[in-house]
Each structure stands twice: as structure tokens, then as C-alpha cells.
Amino acid sequence: MEGSHVAMPLINKSLAHKYRGKDCVLVGRIENVSGSSMTVETSDKQKVSVDCGFGTFSSMQGVVELVVSVGFDGRFVAQSAYSYGDDFDLTVYNDALNVLQRHLSPFGVQ
């Protein structure tokens, strides 16, 4: 349905294990890009490798929002990416993410 949106959990590396087999939103700072994969420092200061499921990450830099599938093996495959540039406070974002995790039900996200 055009224009419809599905609520997805916001995650960092520490929360990823709770969402294996699901689509989530992962935000972090790009550390390295190599063709169709990148290393990202997540908002909780951990590093993850993300495979690109839609082409390449070649033009991406700074902080990115990634819609990812979290694999049962712990791998991340990005379905889409949006660059926030360099002016984004990951510490504040991580604080907000932690508050949301404690109060998910009022927002309709399980």
C-alpha cells in the first residue's frame, strides 16, 4: 500500500539479539566502507558489519540510518540507508533509544 509505514524497532548492537529474524532500524557512524559492506559504530559504541542488500554504500558517510534485517546468525543486511551527515549526536540518540526500550508498549512496538 503506497504511503503506508510499518513501525520497526530501533536498535543498537546490544539490543540486536532480541530482534533476530526481524527488520529493524540501526543508526550509527560509518567507520569503513568496502564495496557492498560497511563497518558501523552503533549508538552504544560497538562495531558491526553491515552487508548491503540494495547495491553499494560507496557514497555514504557520517551517521546513517539503516533499515536492516537482523539474521539469526547475528548478521545485518541493509535494505535501505539514509545519511544524516556528521551533525548528529549519537549519545543523545542512544539515551532516547534506551528510554524507548523501557516503554515500548505505549508506542505499539513489540
PDB file of N, CA and C in Angstrom:
ATOM      1  N   MET A   1       0.837  -1.169   0.000  1.00  0.00           N
ATOM      2  CA  MET A   1       0.000   0.000   0.000  1.00  0.00           C
ATOM      3  C   MET A   1       0.886   1.237   0.000  1.00  0.00           C
ATOM      4  N   GLU A   2       0.738   2.066  -0.984  1.00  0.00           N
ATOM      5  CA  GLU A   2       1.571   3.247  -1.112  1.00  0.00           C
ATOM      6  C   GLU A   2       1.339   4.201   0.050  1.00  0.00           C
ATOM      7  N   GLY A   3       2.449   4.710   0.604  1.00  0.00           N
ATOM      8  CA  GLY A   3       2.361   5.670   1.688  1.00  0.00           C
ATOM      9  C   GLY A   3       2.172   5.057   3.063  1.00  0.00           C
ATOM     10  N   SER A   4       2.076   3.735   3.156  1.00  0.00           N
ATOM     11  CA  SER A   4       1.917   3.123   4.468  1.00  0.00           C
ATOM     12  C   SER A   4       3.292   2.903   5.096  1.00  0.00           C
ATOM     13  N   HIS A   5       3.323   2.961   6.395  1.00  0.00           N
ATOM     14  CA  HIS A   5       4.572   2.797   7.125  1.00  0.00           C
ATOM     15  C   HIS A   5       4.373   1.731   8.198  1.00  0.00           C
ATOM     16  N   VAL A   6       5.395   0.952   8.402  1.00  0.00           N
ATOM     17  CA  VAL A   6       5.371  -0.076   9.419  1.00  0.00           C
ATOM     18  C   VAL A   6       6.343   0.333  10.511  1.00  0.00           C
ATOM     19  N   ALA A   7       5.877   0.312  11.751  1.00  0.00           N
ATOM     20  CA  ALA A   7       6.755   0.636  12.876  1.00  0.00           C
ATOM     21  C   ALA A   7       7.781  -0.479  13.029  1.00  0.00           C
ATOM     22  N   MET A   8       9.053  -0.092  13.114  1.00  0.00           N
ATOM     23  CA  MET A   8      10.128  -1.066  13.306  1.00  0.00           C
ATOM     24  C   MET A   8      10.881  -0.699  14.574  1.00  0.00           C
ATOM     25  N   PRO A   9      11.369  -1.708  15.279  1.00  0.00           N
ATOM     26  CA  PRO A   9      12.154  -1.420  16.476  1.00  0.00           C
ATOM     27  C   PRO A   9      13.434  -0.659  16.127  1.00  0.00           C
ATOM     28  N   LEU A  10      13.788   0.283  16.979  1.00  0.00           N
ATOM     29  CA  LEU A  10      15.066   0.982  16.892  1.00  0.00           C
ATOM     30  C   LEU A  10      16.042   0.190  17.742  1.00  0.00           C
ATOM     31  N   ILE A  11      17.201  -0.146  17.166  1.00  0.00           N
ATOM     32  CA  ILE A  11      18.146  -0.983  17.898  1.00  0.00           C
ATOM     33  C   ILE A  11      19.553  -0.408  17.846  1.00  0.00           C
ATOM     34  N   ASN A  12      20.370  -0.893  18.770  1.00  0.00           N
ATOM     35  CA  ASN A  12      21.818  -0.727  18.705  1.00  0.00           C
ATOM     36  C   ASN A  12      22.388  -2.149  18.748  1.00  0.00           C
ATOM     37  N   LYS A  13      23.678  -2.294  18.808  1.00  0.00           N
ATOM     38  CA  LYS A  13      24.287  -3.630  18.800  1.00  0.00           C
ATOM     39  C   LYS A  13      23.844  -4.462  19.995  1.00  0.00           C
ATOM     40  N   SER A  14      23.761  -3.843  21.163  1.00  0.00           N
ATOM     41  CA  SER A  14      23.389  -4.572  22.378  1.00  0.00           C
ATOM     42  C   SER A  14      21.979  -5.138  22.325  1.00  0.00           C
ATOM     43  N   LEU A  15      21.094  -4.496  21.583  1.00  0.00           N
ATOM     44  CA  LEU A  15      19.694  -4.926  21.510  1.00  0.00           C
ATOM     45  C   LEU A  15      19.415  -5.883  20.359  1.00  0.00           C
ATOM     46  N   ALA A  16      20.339  -6.028  19.437  1.00  0.00           N
ATOM     47  CA  ALA A  16      20.099  -6.785  18.205  1.00  0.00           C
ATOM     48  C   ALA A  16      19.673  -8.222  18.461  1.00  0.00           C
ATOM     49  N   HIS A  17      20.215  -8.866  19.485  1.00  0.00           N
ATOM     50  CA  HIS A  17      19.880 -10.273  19.738  1.00  0.00           C
ATOM     51  C   HIS A  17      18.392 -10.498  20.014  1.00  0.00           C
ATOM     52  N   LYS A  18      17.699  -9.478  20.488  1.00  0.00           N
ATOM     53  CA  LYS A  18      16.262  -9.584  20.771  1.00  0.00           C
ATOM     54  C   LYS A  18      15.418  -9.606  19.495  1.00  0.00           C
ATOM     55  N   TYR A  19      16.018  -9.194  18.385  1.00  0.00           N
ATOM     56  CA  TYR A  19      15.250  -8.989  17.155  1.00  0.00           C
ATOM     57  C   TYR A  19      15.757  -9.831  15.981  1.00  0.00           C
ATOM     58  N   ARG A  20      16.368 -10.971  16.277  1.00  0.00           N
ATOM     59  CA  ARG A  20      16.829 -11.854  15.198  1.00  0.00           C
ATOM     60  C   ARG A  20      15.648 -12.292  14.342  1.00  0.00           C
ATOM     61  N   GLY A  21      15.852 -12.231  13.028  1.00  0.00           N
ATOM     62  CA  GLY A  21      14.800 -12.614  12.101  1.00  0.00           C
ATOM     63  C   GLY A  21      13.812 -11.498  11.803  1.00  0.00           C
ATOM     64  N   LYS A  22      14.090 -10.292  12.298  1.00  0.00           N
ATOM     65  CA  LYS A  22      13.167  -9.168  12.110  1.00  0.00           C
ATOM     66  C   LYS A  22      13.864  -8.001  11.420  1.00  0.00           C
ATOM     67  N   ASP A  23      13.048  -7.111  10.889  1.00  0.00           N
ATOM     68  CA  ASP A  23      13.555  -5.861  10.318  1.00  0.00           C
ATOM     69  C   ASP A  23      13.568  -4.805  11.415  1.00  0.00           C
ATOM     70  N   CYS A  24      14.650  -4.039  11.460  1.00  0.00           N
ATOM     71  CA  CYS A  24      14.838  -3.030  12.491  1.00  0.00           C
ATOM     72  C   CYS A  24      15.514  -1.802  11.892  1.00  0.00           C
ATOM     73  N   VAL A  25      15.610  -0.760  12.702  1.00  0.00           N
ATOM     74  CA  VAL A  25      16.332   0.446  12.317  1.00  0.00           C
ATOM     75  C   VAL A  25      17.580   0.548  13.186  1.00  0.00           C
ATOM     76  N   LEU A  26      18.724   0.641  12.528  1.00  0.00           N
ATOM     77  CA  LEU A  26      20.023   0.737  13.192  1.00  0.00           C
ATOM     78  C   LEU A  26      20.663   2.059  12.783  1.00  0.00           C
ATOM     79  N   VAL A  27      21.085   2.856  13.760  1.00  0.00           N
ATOM     80  CA  VAL A  27      21.734   4.132  13.469  1.00  0.00           C
ATOM     81  C   VAL A  27      23.151   4.079  14.006  1.00  0.00           C
ATOM     82  N   GLY A  28      24.097   4.555  13.196  1.00  0.00           N
ATOM     83  CA  GLY A  28      25.484   4.570  13.644  1.00  0.00           C
ATOM     84  C   GLY A  28      26.362   5.386  12.713  1.00  0.00           C
ATOM     85  N   ARG A  29      27.620   5.529  13.117  1.00  0.00           N
ATOM     86  CA  ARG A  29      28.603   6.285  12.343  1.00  0.00           C
ATOM     87  C   ARG A  29      29.435   5.325  11.504  1.00  0.00           C
ATOM     88  N   ILE A  30      29.537   5.625  10.219  1.00  0.00           N
ATOM     89  CA  ILE A  30      30.310   4.780   9.311  1.00  0.00           C
ATOM     90  C   ILE A  30      31.792   4.883   9.660  1.00  0.00           C
ATOM     91  N   GLU A  31      32.412   3.729   9.861  1.00  0.00           N
ATOM     92  CA  GLU A  31      33.843   3.655  10.127  1.00  0.00           C
ATOM     93  C   GLU A  31      34.618   3.338   8.849  1.00  0.00           C
ATOM     94  N   ASN A  32      34.055   2.431   8.041  1.00  0.00           N
ATOM     95  CA  ASN A  32      34.746   1.967   6.850  1.00  0.00           C
ATOM     96  C   ASN A  32      33.720   1.435   5.852  1.00  0.00           C
ATOM     97  N   VAL A  33      33.949   1.738   4.572  1.00  0.00           N
ATOM     98  CA  VAL A  33      33.109   1.195   3.506  1.00  0.00           C
ATOM     99  C   VAL A  33      33.998   0.404   2.558  1.00  0.00           C
ATOM    100  N   SER A  34      33.557  -0.806   2.238  1.00  0.00           N
ATOM    101  CA  SER A  34      34.303  -1.648   1.313  1.00  0.00           C
ATOM    102  C   SER A  34      33.310  -2.312   0.368  1.00  0.00           C
ATOM    103  N   GLY A  35      33.077  -1.661  -0.779  1.00  0.00           N
ATOM    104  CA  GLY A  35      32.146  -2.215  -1.768  1.00  0.00           C
ATOM    105  C   GLY A  35      30.736  -2.320  -1.246  1.00  0.00           C
ATOM    106  N   SER A  36      30.273  -3.557  -1.062  1.00  0.00           N
ATOM    107  CA  SER A  36      28.895  -3.764  -0.633  1.00  0.00           C
ATOM    108  C   SER A  36      28.775  -4.084   0.860  1.00  0.00           C
ATOM    109  N   SER A  37      29.761  -3.670   1.646  1.00  0.00           N
ATOM    110  CA  SER A  37      29.654  -3.822   3.098  1.00  0.00           C
ATOM    111  C   SER A  37      30.293  -2.616   3.783  1.00  0.00           C
ATOM    112  N   MET A  38      29.899  -2.409   5.013  1.00  0.00           N
ATOM    113  CA  MET A  38      30.472  -1.315   5.793  1.00  0.00           C
ATOM    114  C   MET A  38      30.589  -1.722   7.248  1.00  0.00           C
ATOM    115  N   THR A  39      31.516  -1.065   7.928  1.00  0.00           N
ATOM    116  CA  THR A  39      31.643  -1.204   9.368  1.00  0.00           C
ATOM    117  C   THR A  39      31.040   0.050   9.973  1.00  0.00           C
ATOM    118  N   VAL A  40      30.155  -0.152  10.943  1.00  0.00           N
ATOM    119  CA  VAL A  40      29.435   0.949  11.573  1.00  0.00           C
ATOM    120  C   VAL A  40      29.653   0.885  13.074  1.00  0.00           C
ATOM    121  N   GLU A  41      29.932   2.048  13.688  1.00  0.00           N
ATOM    122  CA  GLU A  41      29.939   2.135  15.139  1.00  0.00           C
ATOM    123  C   GLU A  41      28.534   2.529  15.556  1.00  0.00           C
ATOM    124  N   THR A  42      27.840   1.636  16.255  1.00  0.00           N
ATOM    125  CA  THR A  42      26.458   1.873  16.638  1.00  0.00           C
ATOM    126  C   THR A  42      26.382   2.890  17.780  1.00  0.00           C
ATOM    127  N   SER A  43      25.170   3.296  18.104  1.00  0.00           N
ATOM    128  CA  SER A  43      24.990   4.342  19.119  1.00  0.00           C
ATOM    129  C   SER A  43      25.486   3.927  20.496  1.00  0.00           C
ATOM    130  N   ASP A  44      25.643   2.623  20.747  1.00  0.00           N
ATOM    131  CA  ASP A  44      26.182   2.148  22.021  1.00  0.00           C
ATOM    132  C   ASP A  44      27.687   1.867  21.939  1.00  0.00           C
ATOM    133  N   LYS A  45      28.336   2.461  20.929  1.00  0.00           N
ATOM    134  CA  LYS A  45      29.800   2.441  20.771  1.00  0.00           C
ATOM    135  C   LYS A  45      30.369   1.062  20.438  1.00  0.00           C
ATOM    136  N   GLN A  46      29.561   0.194  19.833  1.00  0.00           N
ATOM    137  CA  GLN A  46      30.032  -1.114  19.399  1.00  0.00           C
ATOM    138  C   GLN A  46      30.102  -1.141  17.880  1.00  0.00           C
ATOM    139  N   LYS A  47      30.975  -1.949  17.351  1.00  0.00           N
ATOM    140  CA  LYS A  47      31.155  -2.023  15.904  1.00  0.00           C
ATOM    141  C   LYS A  47      30.412  -3.234  15.337  1.00  0.00           C
ATOM    142  N   VAL A  48      29.757  -3.013  14.187  1.00  0.00           N
ATOM    143  CA  VAL A  48      29.069  -4.085  13.480  1.00  0.00           C
ATOM    144  C   VAL A  48      29.410  -4.004  12.004  1.00  0.00           C
ATOM    145  N   SER A  49      29.326  -5.138  11.341  1.00  0.00           N
ATOM    146  CA  SER A  49      29.492  -5.195   9.896  1.00  0.00           C
ATOM    147  C   SER A  49      28.101  -5.304   9.283  1.00  0.00           C
ATOM    148  N   VAL A  50      27.846  -4.493   8.269  1.00  0.00           N
ATOM    149  CA  VAL A  50      26.540  -4.476   7.608  1.00  0.00           C
ATOM    150  C   VAL A  50      26.750  -4.758   6.126  1.00  0.00           C
ATOM    151  N   ASP A  51      26.050  -5.768   5.625  1.00  0.00           N
ATOM    152  CA  ASP A  51      26.074  -6.074   4.193  1.00  0.00           C
ATOM    153  C   ASP A  51      24.974  -5.273   3.516  1.00  0.00           C
ATOM    154  N   CYS A  52      25.226  -4.850   2.298  1.00  0.00           N
ATOM    155  CA  CYS A  52      24.267  -4.054   1.547  1.00  0.00           C
ATOM    156  C   CYS A  52      23.388  -4.966   0.705  1.00  0.00           C
ATOM    157  N   GLY A  53      22.088  -4.878   0.908  1.00  0.00           N
ATOM    158  CA  GLY A  53      21.162  -5.685   0.142  1.00  0.00           C
ATOM    159  C   GLY A  53      20.537  -4.930  -1.016  1.00  0.00           C
ATOM    160  N   PHE A  54      21.045  -3.725  -1.335  1.00  0.00           N
ATOM    161  CA  PHE A  54      20.414  -2.916  -2.381  1.00  0.00           C
ATOM    162  C   PHE A  54      21.400  -2.263  -3.342  1.00  0.00           C
ATOM    163  N   GLY A  55      22.648  -2.656  -3.340  1.00  0.00           N
ATOM    164  CA  GLY A  55      23.644  -2.057  -4.230  1.00  0.00           C
ATOM    165  C   GLY A  55      24.956  -1.888  -3.499  1.00  0.00           C
ATOM    166  N   THR A  56      25.417  -0.639  -3.384  1.00  0.00           N
ATOM    167  CA  THR A  56      26.648  -0.369  -2.650  1.00  0.00           C
ATOM    168  C   THR A  56      26.458   0.815  -1.717  1.00  0.00           C
ATOM    169  N   PHE A  57      27.381   0.935  -0.784  1.00  0.00           N
ATOM    170  CA  PHE A  57      27.381   2.036   0.174  1.00  0.00           C
ATOM    171  C   PHE A  57      28.381   3.122  -0.227  1.00  0.00           C
ATOM    172  N   SER A  58      28.874   3.094  -1.446  1.00  0.00           N
ATOM    173  CA  SER A  58      30.024   3.911  -1.838  1.00  0.00           C
ATOM    174  C   SER A  58      29.885   5.402  -1.537  1.00  0.00           C
ATOM    175  N   SER A  59      28.709   5.973  -1.630  1.00  0.00           N
ATOM    176  CA  SER A  59      28.564   7.418  -1.412  1.00  0.00           C
ATOM    177  C   SER A  59      28.170   7.775   0.020  1.00  0.00           C
ATOM    178  N   MET A  60      28.052   6.784   0.889  1.00  0.00           N
ATOM    179  CA  MET A  60      27.607   7.032   2.262  1.00  0.00           C
ATOM    180  C   MET A  60      28.778   7.491   3.129  1.00  0.00           C
ATOM    181  N   GLN A  61      28.483   8.428   4.035  1.00  0.00           N
ATOM    182  CA  GLN A  61      29.481   8.866   5.013  1.00  0.00           C
ATOM    183  C   GLN A  61      28.788   9.458   6.217  1.00  0.00           C
ATOM    184  N   GLY A  62      29.529   9.593   7.312  1.00  0.00           N
ATOM    185  CA  GLY A  62      28.976  10.164   8.535  1.00  0.00           C
ATOM    186  C   GLY A  62      28.040   9.203   9.238  1.00  0.00           C
ATOM    187  N   VAL A  63      26.975   9.762   9.806  1.00  0.00           N
ATOM    188  CA  VAL A  63      25.985   8.971  10.533  1.00  0.00           C
ATOM    189  C   VAL A  63      24.902   8.527   9.558  1.00  0.00           C
ATOM    190  N   VAL A  64      24.514   7.252   9.660  1.00  0.00           N
ATOM    191  CA  VAL A  64      23.492   6.701   8.771  1.00  0.00           C
ATOM    192  C   VAL A  64      22.397   6.005   9.567  1.00  0.00           C
ATOM    193  N   GLU A  65      21.202   6.049   9.002  1.00  0.00           N
ATOM    194  CA  GLU A  65      20.090   5.253   9.491  1.00  0.00           C
ATOM    195  C   GLU A  65      19.916   4.116   8.503  1.00  0.00           C
ATOM    196  N   LEU A  66      19.967   2.894   8.990  1.00  0.00           N
ATOM    197  CA  LEU A  66      19.869   1.711   8.148  1.00  0.00           C
ATOM    198  C   LEU A  66      18.652   0.897   8.535  1.00  0.00           C
ATOM    199  N   VAL A  67      17.823   0.554   7.566  1.00  0.00           N
ATOM    200  CA  VAL A  67      16.786  -0.441   7.800  1.00  0.00           C
ATOM    201  C   VAL A  67      17.465  -1.772   7.515  1.00  0.00           C
ATOM    202  N   VAL A  68      17.577  -2.593   8.545  1.00  0.00           N
ATOM    203  CA  VAL A  68      18.330  -3.843   8.434  1.00  0.00           C
ATOM    204  C   VAL A  68      17.470  -5.047   8.780  1.00  0.00           C
ATOM    205  N   SER A  69      17.811  -6.156   8.173  1.00  0.00           N
ATOM    206  CA  SER A  69      17.302  -7.457   8.604  1.00  0.00           C
ATOM    207  C   SER A  69      18.367  -8.012   9.538  1.00  0.00           C
ATOM    208  N   VAL A  70      17.949  -8.401  10.731  1.00  0.00           N
ATOM    209  CA  VAL A  70      18.877  -8.988  11.693  1.00  0.00           C
ATOM    210  C   VAL A  70      18.801 -10.497  11.518  1.00  0.00           C
ATOM    211  N   GLY A  71      19.888 -11.078  11.068  1.00  0.00           N
ATOM    212  CA  GLY A  71      19.907 -12.514  10.815  1.00  0.00           C
ATOM    213  C   GLY A  71      19.961 -13.327  12.088  1.00  0.00           C
ATOM    214  N   PHE A  72      19.510 -14.573  11.991  1.00  0.00           N
ATOM    215  CA  PHE A  72      19.581 -15.473  13.138  1.00  0.00           C
ATOM    216  C   PHE A  72      21.030 -15.754  13.516  1.00  0.00           C
ATOM    217  N   ASP A  73      21.940 -15.531  12.563  1.00  0.00           N
ATOM    218  CA  ASP A  73      23.364 -15.708  12.822  1.00  0.00           C
ATOM    219  C   ASP A  73      24.021 -14.418  13.323  1.00  0.00           C
ATOM    220  N   GLY A  74      23.208 -13.374  13.559  1.00  0.00           N
ATOM    221  CA  GLY A  74      23.739 -12.107  14.065  1.00  0.00           C
ATOM    222  C   GLY A  74      24.195 -11.146  12.986  1.00  0.00           C
ATOM    223  N   ARG A  75      24.075 -11.532  11.710  1.00  0.00           N
ATOM    224  CA  ARG A  75      24.489 -10.661  10.614  1.00  0.00           C
ATOM    225  C   ARG A  75      23.422  -9.594  10.352  1.00  0.00           C
ATOM    226  N   PHE A  76      23.878  -8.474   9.809  1.00  0.00           N
ATOM    227  CA  PHE A  76      22.991  -7.385   9.444  1.00  0.00           C
ATOM    228  C   PHE A  76      23.022  -7.209   7.930  1.00  0.00           C
ATOM    229  N   VAL A  77      21.849  -7.154   7.303  1.00  0.00           N
ATOM    230  CA  VAL A  77      21.755  -6.874   5.877  1.00  0.00           C
ATOM    231  C   VAL A  77      20.859  -5.651   5.717  1.00  0.00           C
ATOM    232  N   ALA A  78      21.423  -4.584   5.147  1.00  0.00           N
ATOM    233  CA  ALA A  78      20.674  -3.339   4.974  1.00  0.00           C
ATOM    234  C   ALA A  78      19.742  -3.428   3.780  1.00  0.00           C
ATOM    235  N   GLN A  79      18.517  -2.978   3.982  1.00  0.00           N
ATOM    236  CA  GLN A  79      17.525  -2.899   2.911  1.00  0.00           C
ATOM    237  C   GLN A  79      17.460  -1.478   2.349  1.00  0.00           C
ATOM    238  N   SER A  80      17.811  -0.512   3.190  1.00  0.00           N
ATOM    239  CA  SER A  80      17.865   0.883   2.746  1.00  0.00           C
ATOM    240  C   SER A  80      18.766   1.647   3.705  1.00  0.00           C
ATOM    241  N   ALA A  81      19.202   2.806   3.252  1.00  0.00           N
ATOM    242  CA  ALA A  81      20.092   3.634   4.063  1.00  0.00           C
ATOM    243  C   ALA A  81      19.787   5.108   3.812  1.00  0.00           C
ATOM    244  N   TYR A  82      19.914   5.895   4.870  1.00  0.00           N
ATOM    245  CA  TYR A  82      19.724   7.341   4.783  1.00  0.00           C
ATOM    246  C   TYR A  82      20.855   7.993   5.550  1.00  0.00           C
ATOM    247  N   SER A  83      21.533   8.926   4.948  1.00  0.00           N
ATOM    248  CA  SER A  83      22.656   9.602   5.604  1.00  0.00           C
ATOM    249  C   SER A  83      22.173  10.822   6.369  1.00  0.00           C
ATOM    250  N   TYR A  84      22.588  10.927   7.630  1.00  0.00           N
ATOM    251  CA  TYR A  84      22.316  12.112   8.451  1.00  0.00           C
ATOM    252  C   TYR A  84      23.469  13.098   8.392  1.00  0.00           C
ATOM    253  N   GLY A  85      24.555  12.739   7.717  1.00  0.00           N
ATOM    254  CA  GLY A  85      25.735  13.599   7.683  1.00  0.00           C
ATOM    255  C   GLY A  85      26.523  13.461   8.975  1.00  0.00           C
ATOM    256  N   ASP A  86      27.279  14.491   9.315  1.00  0.00           N
ATOM    257  CA  ASP A  86      28.128  14.423  10.509  1.00  0.00           C
ATOM    258  C   ASP A  86      27.532  15.116  11.726  1.00  0.00           C
ATOM    259  N   ASP A  87      26.487  15.896  11.545  1.00  0.00           N
ATOM    260  CA  ASP A  87      25.927  16.686  12.639  1.00  0.00           C
ATOM    261  C   ASP A  87      24.767  15.942  13.298  1.00  0.00           C
ATOM    262  N   PHE A  88      25.089  14.857  13.992  1.00  0.00           N
ATOM    263  CA  PHE A  88      24.077  14.030  14.642  1.00  0.00           C
ATOM    264  C   PHE A  88      24.686  13.498  15.928  1.00  0.00           C
ATOM    265  N   ASP A  89      24.011  13.683  17.051  1.00  0.00           N
ATOM    266  CA  ASP A  89      24.530  13.285  18.356  1.00  0.00           C
ATOM    267  C   ASP A  89      24.093  11.858  18.689  1.00  0.00           C
ATOM    268  N   LEU A  90      24.993  10.907  18.484  1.00  0.00           N
ATOM    269  CA  LEU A  90      24.679   9.504  18.742  1.00  0.00           C
ATOM    270  C   LEU A  90      24.487   9.200  20.223  1.00  0.00           C
ATOM    271  N   THR A  91      25.103   9.977  21.104  1.00  0.00           N
ATOM    272  CA  THR A  91      24.938   9.754  22.542  1.00  0.00           C
ATOM    273  C   THR A  91      23.507  10.076  22.968  1.00  0.00           C
ATOM    274  N   VAL A  92      22.992  11.198  22.514  1.00  0.00           N
ATOM    275  CA  VAL A  92      21.603  11.570  22.825  1.00  0.00           C
ATOM    276  C   VAL A  92      20.648  10.558  22.202  1.00  0.00           C
ATOM    277  N   TYR A  93      20.924  10.150  20.955  1.00  0.00           N
ATOM    278  CA  TYR A  93      20.099   9.147  20.291  1.00  0.00           C
ATOM    279  C   TYR A  93      20.070   7.853  21.108  1.00  0.00           C
ATOM    280  N   ASN A  94      21.220   7.410  21.590  1.00  0.00           N
ATOM    281  CA  ASN A  94      21.279   6.170  22.363  1.00  0.00           C
ATOM    282  C   ASN A  94      20.501   6.302  23.667  1.00  0.00           C
ATOM    283  N   ASP A  95      20.577   7.466  24.314  1.00  0.00           N
ATOM    284  CA  ASP A  95      19.791   7.697  25.535  1.00  0.00           C
ATOM    285  C   ASP A  95      18.296   7.581  25.240  1.00  0.00           C
ATOM    286  N   ALA A  96      17.850   8.181  24.138  1.00  0.00           N
ATOM    287  CA  ALA A  96      16.437   8.107  23.753  1.00  0.00           C
ATOM    288  C   ALA A  96      16.042   6.673  23.415  1.00  0.00           C
ATOM    289  N   LEU A  97      16.914   5.959  22.728  1.00  0.00           N
ATOM    290  CA  LEU A  97      16.649   4.564  22.378  1.00  0.00           C
ATOM    291  C   LEU A  97      16.456   3.724  23.635  1.00  0.00           C
ATOM    292  N   ASN A  98      17.267   3.955  24.651  1.00  0.00           N
ATOM    293  CA  ASN A  98      17.144   3.203  25.899  1.00  0.00           C
ATOM    294  C   ASN A  98      15.834   3.501  26.614  1.00  0.00           C
ATOM    295  N   VAL A  99      15.376   4.757  26.573  1.00  0.00           N
ATOM    296  CA  VAL A  99      14.078   5.105  27.158  1.00  0.00           C
ATOM    297  C   VAL A  99      12.960   4.394  26.402  1.00  0.00           C
ATOM    298  N   LEU A 100      13.021   4.417  25.081  1.00  0.00           N
ATOM    299  CA  LEU A 100      12.007   3.732  24.278  1.00  0.00           C
ATOM    300  C   LEU A 100      11.965   2.235  24.569  1.00  0.00           C
ATOM    301  N   GLN A 101      13.110   1.620  24.766  1.00  0.00           N
ATOM    302  CA  GLN A 101      13.151   0.182  25.042  1.00  0.00           C
ATOM    303  C   GLN A 101      12.458  -0.155  26.354  1.00  0.00           C
ATOM    304  N   ARG A 102      12.505   0.752  27.306  1.00  0.00           N
ATOM    305  CA  ARG A 102      11.839   0.517  28.596  1.00  0.00           C
ATOM    306  C   ARG A 102      10.330   0.737  28.500  1.00  0.00           C
ATOM    307  N   HIS A 103       9.869   1.443  27.473  1.00  0.00           N
ATOM    308  CA  HIS A 103       8.461   1.819  27.362  1.00  0.00           C
ATOM    309  C   HIS A 103       7.920   1.546  25.968  1.00  0.00           C
ATOM    310  N   LEU A 104       8.166   0.354  25.420  1.00  0.00           N
ATOM    311  CA  LEU A 104       7.758   0.025  24.061  1.00  0.00           C
ATOM    312  C   LEU A 104       6.257  -0.051  23.851  1.00  0.00           C
ATOM    313  N   SER A 105       5.538  -0.679  24.741  1.00  0.00           N
ATOM    314  CA  SER A 105       4.116  -0.937  24.533  1.00  0.00           C
ATOM    315  C   SER A 105       3.290   0.316  24.228  1.00  0.00           C
ATOM    316  N   PRO A 106       3.481   1.444  24.910  1.00  0.00           N
ATOM    317  CA  PRO A 106       2.672   2.613  24.587  1.00  0.00           C
ATOM    318  C   PRO A 106       2.847   3.081  23.129  1.00  0.00           C
ATOM    319  N   PHE A 107       3.958   2.717  22.496  1.00  0.00           N
ATOM    320  CA  PHE A 107       4.206   3.127  21.127  1.00  0.00           C
ATOM    321  C   PHE A 107       3.798   2.062  20.110  1.00  0.00           C
ATOM    322  N   GLY A 108       3.262   0.942  20.586  1.00  0.00           N
ATOM    323  CA  GLY A 108       2.778  -0.097  19.689  1.00  0.00           C
ATOM    324  C   GLY A 108       3.866  -0.938  19.047  1.00  0.00           C
ATOM    325  N   VAL A 109       5.089  -0.864  19.553  1.00  0.00           N
ATOM    326  CA  VAL A 109       6.187  -1.651  19.011  1.00  0.00           C
ATOM    327  C   VAL A 109       6.521  -2.752  19.990  1.00  0.00           C
ATOM    328  N   GLN A 110       6.595  -3.956  19.499  1.00  0.00           N
ATOM    329  CA  GLN A 110       6.905  -5.106  20.366  1.00  0.00           C
ATOM    330  C   GLN A 110       8.334  -5.548  20.152  1.00  0.00           C
TER     331      GLN A 110
END
